[in-house]
Amino acid sequence: MSRGLGDVYKRQGKYDKKFELLWRKLQQEKLVKHSLEEIENSDLFKYSPYKELNDSQRKAVEDILAQIESGNVNRVVVNGMPGSGKTIVAVYLMKYLADSEEFAGKKIGFVVPQTSLRKTMKFIFRSIYGLTPSQVLSPSDITKKKYDILLVDEAPVSYTHLRAHET
């Protein structure tokens, strides 16, 4: 199954330079306030579901979606080093699932154990059409409602270990 996620990015490189020139001109004309650097360093940009995924992130998204759509899986674990983009994959998946007719009406949540990151994610979800801050959950929140799909960011090692070995 091909989602064509790579097709979106094929011509990206040649547009980046043009966009940078255009943005600088808009800055000179005082039509935009922030520099590209300020925008690129913001949390909203860093965790944006519209941001280009790298090859391994794109593959992870495609694999996870295939498993979810098969209906034969109750758990998918994404492993990676800190900074490898696991959170970006989760945010991208949240947006994809929220926009997908196939998952319309499904209760989908994003569990973020770390308080500071959870606060950031709530702010970001408030800014993205189709996502809401109420979808960003603490671990204790998942006991209060039933969810059809839960994405968990940075599950504690002991939790991942126990869940991965359940039968």
Foldseek 3Di string as FASTA:
>chain_A
DDPCLVVVCPCVVVVVVVVQVVVVVCVVVVVDDDHPVVVCPDLLNVQPLPDRDDPVLVVVLVVVVVVVVVVPDDDDDDDDDPPPCPSSSVSNNLQCLLPDPVNPPFFEAEEEQDPVVLVSVQVNQVVDPSGHNVRYHYPVVCVVDPGPYYHYDCDDPVVCVVVVPDD
